[in-house]
Each structure stands twice: as C-alpha cells, then as structure tokens.
Protein backbone atom coordinates (compact mmCIF):
# COMPACT_ATOMS: atom_id res chain seq x y z
CA MET A 1 -1.71 -5.24 5.98
CA ILE A 2 0.88 -6.26 3.36
CA GLN A 3 -1.83 -6.85 0.75
CA LYS A 4 -3.44 -3.47 1.47
CA ILE A 5 -0.10 -1.71 1.04
CA ARG A 6 0.45 -3.49 -2.28
CA GLN A 7 -3.01 -2.39 -3.43
CA SER A 8 -2.29 1.23 -2.53
CA SER A 9 1.14 1.17 -4.22
CA THR A 10 -0.09 1.24 -7.79
CA SER A 11 2.75 3.47 -8.98
CA SER A 12 6.15 4.78 -7.91
CA THR A 13 4.49 7.95 -6.61
CA SER A 14 1.45 6.45 -4.87
CA VAL A 15 1.18 7.63 -1.28
CA THR A 16 0.13 5.15 1.44
CA ASN A 17 -1.29 6.21 4.78
CA LEU A 18 0.71 3.78 6.87
CA SER A 19 -0.76 5.03 10.17
CA ASN A 20 -4.26 3.85 9.21
CA LEU A 21 -2.95 0.41 8.25
CA LEU A 22 -0.97 0.06 11.49
CA VAL A 23 -4.11 0.90 13.48
CA SER A 24 -5.98 -1.80 11.58
CA VAL A 25 -3.36 -4.47 12.10
CA THR A 26 -3.08 -3.92 15.86
CA ASN A 27 -6.86 -3.76 16.32
CA ASP A 28 -7.34 -6.89 14.18
CA ASN A 29 -4.80 -8.83 16.22
CA ILE A 30 -6.50 -7.99 19.50
CA CYS A 31 -9.95 -8.65 18.07
CA ARG A 32 -8.92 -12.05 16.82
CA VAL A 33 -7.35 -13.02 20.14
CA ALA A 34 -10.17 -11.66 22.30
CA LEU A 35 -13.27 -12.02 20.15
CA GLY A 36 -12.30 -14.51 17.46
CA ARG A 37 -12.87 -12.13 14.52
CA LYS A 38 -11.66 -8.89 13.04
CA TYR A 39 -13.74 -5.78 12.51
CA SER A 40 -11.60 -3.57 10.26
CA ASP A 41 -12.85 -5.15 6.98
CA GLY A 42 -16.47 -4.17 7.68
CA GLU A 43 -17.72 -7.72 7.23
CA ALA A 44 -18.50 -8.52 10.87
CA GLU A 45 -21.85 -7.32 12.19
CA GLY A 46 -21.50 -3.99 13.99
CA SER A 47 -18.02 -3.30 12.55
CA ASN A 48 -18.53 0.44 12.06
CA LYS A 49 -20.11 0.92 15.48
CA PHE A 50 -17.30 -1.03 17.15
CA GLU A 51 -14.57 1.02 15.48
CA LEU A 52 -16.26 4.29 16.43
CA MET A 53 -16.58 3.14 20.06
CA LEU A 54 -12.94 2.10 20.19
CA LYS A 55 -11.88 5.47 18.79
CA GLU A 56 -13.96 7.34 21.37
CA ILE A 57 -12.55 5.24 24.18
CA MET A 58 -9.06 6.33 23.21
CA GLU A 59 -10.16 9.97 22.95
CA LEU A 60 -11.77 9.90 26.40
CA ALA A 61 -8.80 8.15 27.95
CA GLY A 62 -6.61 11.05 26.80
CA THR A 63 -9.02 13.74 27.98
CA PHE A 64 -7.83 15.76 30.94
CA ASN A 65 -10.07 15.01 33.90
CA VAL A 66 -9.61 17.73 36.49
CA GLY A 67 -11.49 15.71 39.09
CA ASP A 68 -8.69 13.09 39.10
CA TYR A 69 -6.29 15.67 40.46
CA ILE A 70 -8.54 18.11 42.35
CA PRO A 71 -11.44 15.99 43.70
CA TRP A 72 -13.58 18.92 44.81
CA LEU A 73 -13.70 20.12 41.16
CA LYS A 74 -15.39 16.91 39.91
CA TRP A 75 -18.58 18.93 39.38
CA MET A 76 -16.90 20.45 36.31
CA ASN A 77 -17.26 17.10 34.52
CA ILE A 78 -21.01 17.43 34.81
CA VAL A 79 -20.95 20.97 33.33
CA ASN A 80 -18.61 20.15 30.44
CA GLY A 81 -20.46 16.95 29.60
CA LEU A 82 -17.51 14.60 30.24
CA ASP A 83 -19.43 12.42 32.72
CA ALA A 84 -22.43 12.09 30.41
CA ARG A 85 -20.22 11.22 27.44
CA ALA A 86 -18.33 8.59 29.48
CA ASP A 87 -21.56 7.06 30.81
CA ARG A 88 -23.08 6.88 27.34
CA LEU A 89 -19.97 5.22 25.91
CA ALA A 90 -19.73 2.79 28.83
CA LYS A 91 -23.33 1.72 28.30
CA SER A 92 -22.82 1.19 24.55
CA PHE A 93 -19.63 -0.80 25.00
CA ASP A 94 -21.17 -2.89 27.77
CA GLU A 95 -24.07 -3.79 25.46
CA PHE A 96 -21.62 -4.72 22.72
CA LEU A 97 -19.57 -6.94 25.03
CA SER A 98 -22.73 -8.55 26.40
CA SER A 99 -23.81 -9.51 22.90
CA ILE A 100 -20.38 -11.00 22.18
CA VAL A 101 -20.43 -13.07 25.37
CA GLU A 102 -23.96 -14.33 24.70
CA GLU A 103 -23.07 -15.14 21.10
CA HIS A 104 -20.07 -17.25 22.25
CA ARG A 105 -22.16 -18.90 24.98
CA SER A 106 -24.88 -19.85 22.53
CA ARG A 107 -22.36 -21.28 20.07
CA ARG A 108 -20.74 -23.36 22.78
CA LYS A 109 -24.10 -24.86 23.74
CA GLN A 110 -24.87 -25.71 20.10
CA GLU A 111 -21.45 -27.31 19.66
CA ASN A 112 -21.61 -29.00 23.07
CA GLY A 113 -18.70 -27.15 24.65
CA SER A 114 -16.56 -26.31 21.62
CA LYS A 115 -12.80 -26.07 21.94
CA GLU A 116 -11.57 -22.66 23.10
CA THR A 117 -10.66 -20.50 20.13
CA ASP A 118 -10.38 -17.02 21.69
CA LEU A 119 -10.33 -15.20 25.02
CA VAL A 120 -14.11 -15.18 25.42
CA ASP A 121 -14.28 -18.96 24.91
CA LEU A 122 -11.48 -19.45 27.46
CA LEU A 123 -13.25 -17.27 30.05
CA LEU A 124 -16.53 -19.09 29.51
CA GLU A 125 -14.70 -22.39 30.00
CA ILE A 126 -13.27 -21.19 33.31
CA GLN A 127 -16.71 -19.91 34.34
CA SER A 128 -18.40 -23.23 33.57
CA GLU A 129 -15.83 -25.31 35.43
CA LYS A 130 -16.11 -23.21 38.63
CA LYS A 131 -12.73 -24.48 39.79
CA SER A 132 -11.02 -21.10 40.22
CA SER A 133 -10.53 -19.44 43.59
CA PHE A 134 -12.57 -16.40 42.45
CA THR A 135 -15.99 -15.86 40.99
CA LEU A 136 -15.89 -15.18 37.27
CA ASP A 137 -19.29 -13.64 36.51
CA ASP A 138 -20.21 -11.94 33.25
CA GLU A 139 -19.32 -8.47 34.58
CA THR A 140 -15.81 -9.59 35.46
CA MET A 141 -15.50 -11.30 32.13
CA LYS A 142 -16.46 -8.13 30.25
CA SER A 143 -13.98 -6.11 32.36
CA VAL A 144 -11.14 -8.44 31.34
CA ILE A 145 -12.05 -8.11 27.67
CA PHE A 146 -12.37 -4.35 27.93
CA ASP A 147 -8.93 -4.12 29.56
CA MET A 148 -7.40 -5.83 26.56
CA PHE A 149 -8.82 -3.21 24.23
CA ALA A 150 -8.28 -0.19 26.44
CA ALA A 151 -4.67 -1.06 27.24
CA GLY A 152 -3.58 -2.92 24.11
CA THR A 153 -4.82 -1.14 21.01
CA ASP A 154 -3.58 2.45 21.12
CA THR A 155 -0.31 1.64 22.93
CA THR A 156 0.72 -1.11 20.52
CA TYR A 157 -0.17 0.92 17.44
CA THR A 158 1.63 3.99 18.77
CA SER A 159 4.88 2.19 19.50
CA LEU A 160 4.81 0.55 16.06
CA GLU A 161 4.08 3.84 14.33
CA TRP A 162 7.04 5.58 16.00
CA THR A 163 9.33 2.67 15.28
CA VAL A 164 8.55 2.70 11.58
CA THR A 165 8.92 6.49 11.51
CA GLU A 166 12.38 6.36 13.10
CA VAL A 167 13.52 3.55 10.83
CA LEU A 168 12.38 5.41 7.69
CA ARG A 169 14.07 8.64 8.66
CA HIS A 170 17.40 6.82 9.16
CA PRO A 171 18.16 5.21 5.77
CA LYS A 172 21.31 3.38 6.99
CA ILE A 173 19.38 1.82 9.85
CA MET A 174 16.55 0.84 7.51
CA LYS A 175 18.98 -0.77 5.09
CA LYS A 176 20.70 -2.72 7.84
CA LEU A 177 17.36 -3.86 9.21
CA GLN A 178 16.12 -4.89 5.75
CA ASN A 179 19.29 -6.87 5.14
CA GLU A 180 18.88 -8.76 8.40
CA VAL A 181 15.22 -9.59 7.82
CA ARG A 182 15.67 -10.57 4.18
CA GLN A 183 18.72 -12.68 4.89
CA VAL A 184 16.84 -14.65 7.56
CA ALA A 185 13.65 -15.01 5.50
CA GLY A 186 15.41 -15.84 2.23
CA ASP A 187 12.93 -16.38 -0.62
CA ARG A 188 9.97 -16.71 1.69
CA SER A 189 7.32 -13.94 1.89
CA GLU A 190 6.27 -14.85 5.45
CA ILE A 191 8.02 -14.47 8.80
CA THR A 192 7.92 -17.19 11.45
CA GLU A 193 8.43 -17.01 15.20
CA ASP A 194 11.74 -18.85 14.80
CA ASP A 195 12.84 -16.24 12.29
CA LEU A 196 12.38 -13.44 14.84
CA GLU A 197 14.82 -15.12 17.24
CA LYS A 198 17.47 -14.73 14.57
CA MET A 199 16.95 -10.99 14.26
CA PRO A 200 18.82 -9.25 17.08
CA TYR A 201 19.02 -5.98 15.22
CA LEU A 202 15.24 -5.85 14.73
CA LYS A 203 14.79 -6.33 18.48
CA ALA A 204 17.35 -3.63 19.19
CA VAL A 205 15.49 -1.24 16.85
CA LEU A 206 12.22 -1.81 18.71
CA LYS A 207 13.94 -1.33 22.07
CA GLU A 208 15.48 1.93 20.98
CA SER A 209 12.16 3.20 19.65
CA LEU A 210 10.49 2.38 22.95
CA ARG A 211 13.25 4.29 24.75
CA LEU A 212 12.78 7.46 22.68
CA HIS A 213 9.02 7.15 22.27
CA PRO A 214 7.35 5.30 25.18
CA SER A 215 3.67 4.96 24.35
CA ILE A 216 2.69 6.24 27.78
CA PRO A 217 5.36 8.77 28.92
CA LEU A 218 3.71 9.15 32.34
CA LEU A 219 3.09 5.67 33.68
CA VAL A 220 -0.04 4.54 35.46
CA PRO A 221 -0.14 6.55 38.73
CA ARG A 222 1.14 4.99 41.94
CA GLU A 223 0.42 5.89 45.53
CA SER A 224 2.92 6.22 48.38
CA THR A 225 2.38 3.62 51.07
CA GLN A 226 4.19 5.48 53.84
CA ASP A 227 5.65 8.89 54.69
CA THR A 228 8.97 9.42 53.00
CA LYS A 229 11.41 12.06 51.76
CA VAL A 230 12.67 12.50 48.21
CA MET A 231 15.53 14.94 47.64
CA GLY A 232 14.54 16.81 50.77
CA TYR A 233 10.83 17.01 49.93
CA SER A 234 8.33 15.39 52.34
CA ILE A 235 5.98 12.95 50.62
CA PRO A 236 3.08 11.97 52.90
CA VAL A 237 1.38 8.57 52.74
CA GLY A 238 -1.39 8.40 50.13
CA THR A 239 0.27 10.85 47.72
CA GLN A 240 -0.33 10.14 44.03
CA VAL A 241 3.02 9.53 42.33
CA MET A 242 3.58 9.98 38.58
CA VAL A 243 6.56 8.23 37.01
CA ASN A 244 8.01 10.05 34.00
CA ALA A 245 9.31 7.14 31.87
CA TRP A 246 10.06 9.53 29.01
CA ALA A 247 12.45 11.66 31.07
CA ILE A 248 14.12 8.60 32.64
CA ALA A 249 14.88 7.08 29.23
CA ARG A 250 16.48 10.33 28.06
CA ASP A 251 18.55 11.00 31.17
CA PRO A 252 22.10 11.90 29.99
CA MET A 253 23.48 10.45 33.23
CA GLU A 254 22.20 7.00 32.15
CA TRP A 255 22.32 7.18 28.37
CA GLU A 256 25.05 8.34 25.97
CA ASN A 257 23.64 10.82 23.42
CA PRO A 258 20.13 10.19 24.75
CA ASP A 259 18.27 12.06 21.98
CA GLU A 260 19.95 10.06 19.21
CA PHE A 261 18.17 7.05 17.63
CA ASN A 262 20.90 4.43 17.97
CA PRO A 263 19.78 0.76 18.08
CA GLU A 264 23.41 -0.34 18.45
CA ARG A 265 23.33 0.73 22.09
CA PHE A 266 21.15 -2.33 22.80
CA LEU A 267 23.39 -4.65 20.80
CA ASN A 268 26.37 -3.51 22.83
CA ASN A 269 24.44 -3.82 26.12
CA THR A 270 22.06 -6.75 25.91
CA GLU A 271 21.44 -6.82 29.67
CA VAL A 272 19.20 -3.76 29.60
CA ASP A 273 15.63 -4.86 28.93
CA PHE A 274 12.14 -3.37 29.13
CA ARG A 275 10.60 -5.90 31.53
CA GLY A 276 10.98 -3.74 34.61
CA PHE A 277 14.31 -4.89 36.04
CA ASN A 278 16.33 -1.96 34.75
CA PHE A 279 14.86 1.23 36.19
CA GLU A 280 16.64 3.44 33.67
CA TYR A 281 14.36 1.87 31.02
CA ILE A 282 10.75 1.14 31.96
CA PRO A 283 8.46 1.86 28.98
CA PHE A 284 6.09 -0.85 30.23
CA GLY A 285 6.35 0.08 33.91
CA ALA A 286 7.67 -2.19 36.63
CA GLY A 287 6.57 -4.22 39.61
CA ARG A 288 3.11 -5.61 40.20
CA ARG A 289 1.51 -2.88 38.11
CA GLY A 290 3.76 -3.35 35.13
CA CYS A 291 2.10 -4.02 31.80
CA PRO A 292 0.83 -7.64 31.67
CA GLY A 293 0.72 -7.56 27.85
CA ILE A 294 4.42 -7.03 27.16
CA THR A 295 4.92 -10.36 25.38
CA PHE A 296 1.83 -9.95 23.19
CA ALA A 297 2.61 -6.32 22.28
CA MET A 298 6.22 -7.06 21.34
CA ALA A 299 5.19 -10.09 19.28
CA VAL A 300 2.78 -7.94 17.25
CA ASN A 301 5.42 -5.23 16.79
CA GLU A 302 8.17 -7.64 15.79
CA PHE A 303 6.05 -9.47 13.23
CA ALA A 304 4.66 -6.27 11.73
CA LEU A 305 8.03 -4.52 11.46
CA ALA A 306 9.74 -7.61 10.03
CA LYS A 307 7.04 -8.06 7.36
CA LEU A 308 7.23 -4.40 6.35
CA MET A 309 11.01 -4.55 5.98
CA LEU A 310 10.85 -7.85 4.15
CA ASN A 311 8.28 -6.81 1.54
CA PHE A 312 8.87 -3.10 0.85
CA ASP A 313 11.26 -0.27 0.31
CA PHE A 314 10.07 3.09 1.64
CA ALA A 315 10.60 6.72 0.70
CA LEU A 316 9.23 10.17 1.40
CA PRO A 317 6.27 11.34 -0.70
CA ILE A 318 7.15 13.76 -3.48
CA GLY A 319 7.40 17.30 -2.11
CA ALA A 320 8.08 16.25 1.49
CA LYS A 321 11.44 17.48 2.79
CA GLU A 322 11.76 15.46 5.97
CA TRP A 323 9.87 13.01 8.15
CA ASP A 324 7.35 14.67 10.45
CA LEU A 325 7.94 14.12 14.19
CA ASP A 326 5.16 16.35 15.59
CA GLU A 327 3.40 14.77 18.56
CA ALA A 328 -0.23 14.68 19.69
CA VAL A 329 -1.08 13.95 23.26
CA GLY A 330 -4.01 11.65 24.19
CA SER A 331 -4.13 8.41 26.11
CA THR A 332 -0.78 7.88 24.40
CA VAL A 333 1.70 10.17 22.67
CA HIS A 334 1.27 9.39 18.98
CA LYS A 335 2.14 11.24 15.79
CA LYS A 336 0.13 14.41 15.26
CA ASN A 337 -0.07 13.76 11.53
CA PRO A 338 -0.43 10.38 9.81
CA LEU A 339 2.65 8.58 8.54
CA LEU A 340 2.55 8.98 4.75
CA VAL A 341 5.00 6.96 2.67
CA VAL A 342 5.74 5.79 -0.84
CA ALA A 343 6.02 2.01 -0.56
CA THR A 344 7.70 0.08 -3.36
CA PRO A 345 7.16 -3.72 -3.33
CA ARG A 346 10.45 -5.56 -3.04
CA SER A 347 9.80 -7.61 -6.18
CA SER A 348 9.82 -4.50 -8.31
C-alpha cells in the first residue's frame, strides 16, 4: 500500500484514491491469512474473477431482502431475480473455494504434509488428524473460509476508511497522531507489533472512529428467547431483535458531545472498550454472537493507520473545500464517494 501511494504521488498536486488502496490492503491481508496468497496484483490465477465475486458478495449482502422480514413475500425474490443471482454467485464461489482446497491438498501430498502456512492448510491438518469432536468435511471447511471473507473484508476496510477520513479532516488530531507514531518509530520506515503497544493515542483514534462510524450500525439480528416487556411493549418469544449500535454510541445520556470526533475521551476513560463488556459501546456486538475477528481486524487497522501516518502528510485535493462525509448503505455503511487525497511522502 505504501509503495502504491508513493507511485501515485508523483507531484504535489497528484490525487490518490485512498479508498481503492484501503480495499486492496484489507483484502490482501485476509487472502494471505486464509489462502496463502494475494489477488489484488493480478498475478494469481483467477485474480480478476475472484475480485469480481468478492465485490458482488458485498453488494448482495447489502441488498434489501423483503423475505427476511415478511416471509410470505419471499416469492418477490424470484420475480426480481435476487434468488437467481445469489444462487449463481454461490455456485461460482463454491467452485473457486473447491479449487483452492484441492490445490492445497495436492501440495500437501507432494510435500508429505507440509507445515501449515495459512488457514486452508490448518483446516486440512485438522481434517487429516480426525481428533476433533466434530466432523470437518470439505463443505464445512469452505464455509469457514467464506465466513472470513464475508465478515472480514468490507467491515475492516470500511472502519479504516472512516478512521482515515476523520483524522484527515481534523488537522490537529492528525498532527498529534503523526507525532506519536513518528516518535515511536524513529528513523525506521516499518512499524512493529511492539511499536503499536506504545501508541495509546492511535488506539484512541480508532476507538473513537468505531464509535462514530460502526461498520455495521444494525448488528446481526438476535431473537428473543422468552416473552418479555420493554418500555411497556410486549415482545413475544421468537421476535427478531435489531440492535442499533450506531444510536447507542451517539446517545447523549452516555456520551458527552456525542457527535464530536474526540479521541481524548478514550484516553481519559480507558475502561471503556469495544469487546462487548460495555454496552454503551458495542461496534463488534457482544455475547456469544459478537464478532470473532476483533483482534485480527484491529491489528490490520492499527498497522495500516500507523504506516500511513508514519510515511505521509495528507491534504485535500485542489478545488475541494471540505472532506466528504456522505454515506452509502450496503452490507456496511461506507463512504458514498471515494476518499481522494494529496499524499506527500514524509521524506520530501
């Protein structure tokens, strides 16, 4: 990502589409962890097809499905072609994942049980040992891999995009963040995991961004397990419950100046965290259905944000009056328009 930004920053007025680069870096990280390769550079076989499938998955995930809310209207998905489109995509992605699993299986046989290098290798190792309490067949394996992409690509990219946007539109915050990152890194051009532990302000910035811009404002639906009453309303057992994490995180009864981007609030109150123990702040959900990828997502975001602040100074493109905050709703709430910036390498 850093090299691509440098290549696009050929002059003091060169405009970089940072949104596209953030999509690539999050997808590449998940591809490397899950599949052992990246697809954004076009070198891997089937790169273009994979990227198109991933894009369509995100589009379908954000499509309103009336049958989910009014079951007797499911027939509308046949008429509008939603079912056919979903079936076609599911078949294509299943074939892609099957080829990946077989490729890894063949390589392991040739190398006589090679050391695990990615998620597919690890799952194949578990499958071959047959020591687990559950059956790990190929279909289950493909479902696990699919979950990583469906839940981890768009959400991670979206949170990172909003974080960078908020930092850039608040110059004092950006300067303070840059000073922290550059002081910790010194003359080095790389960031280590140990470095991140010395950057409390960076972590506070990410927390504040997640508060204002949760990737999924309405969390994964729950279902009531018994009859109950909420504020006088009767909620029967089996009712689908939607949790509005966006509204909770902007509740003026819980947060001072809730619409203001203020990372200091998390420096002053370090006890509030996003892991589901503080119900006024649950961008990743809570309980047994909370996001299992919190640690991975935050590691990607911390490294990416730190490297951006270490290596570049950012400014609005010529002619732009202010940073665009328009939203587009899909599987996540991301920026409607791409984040365009003028990036100046630190060395210059």
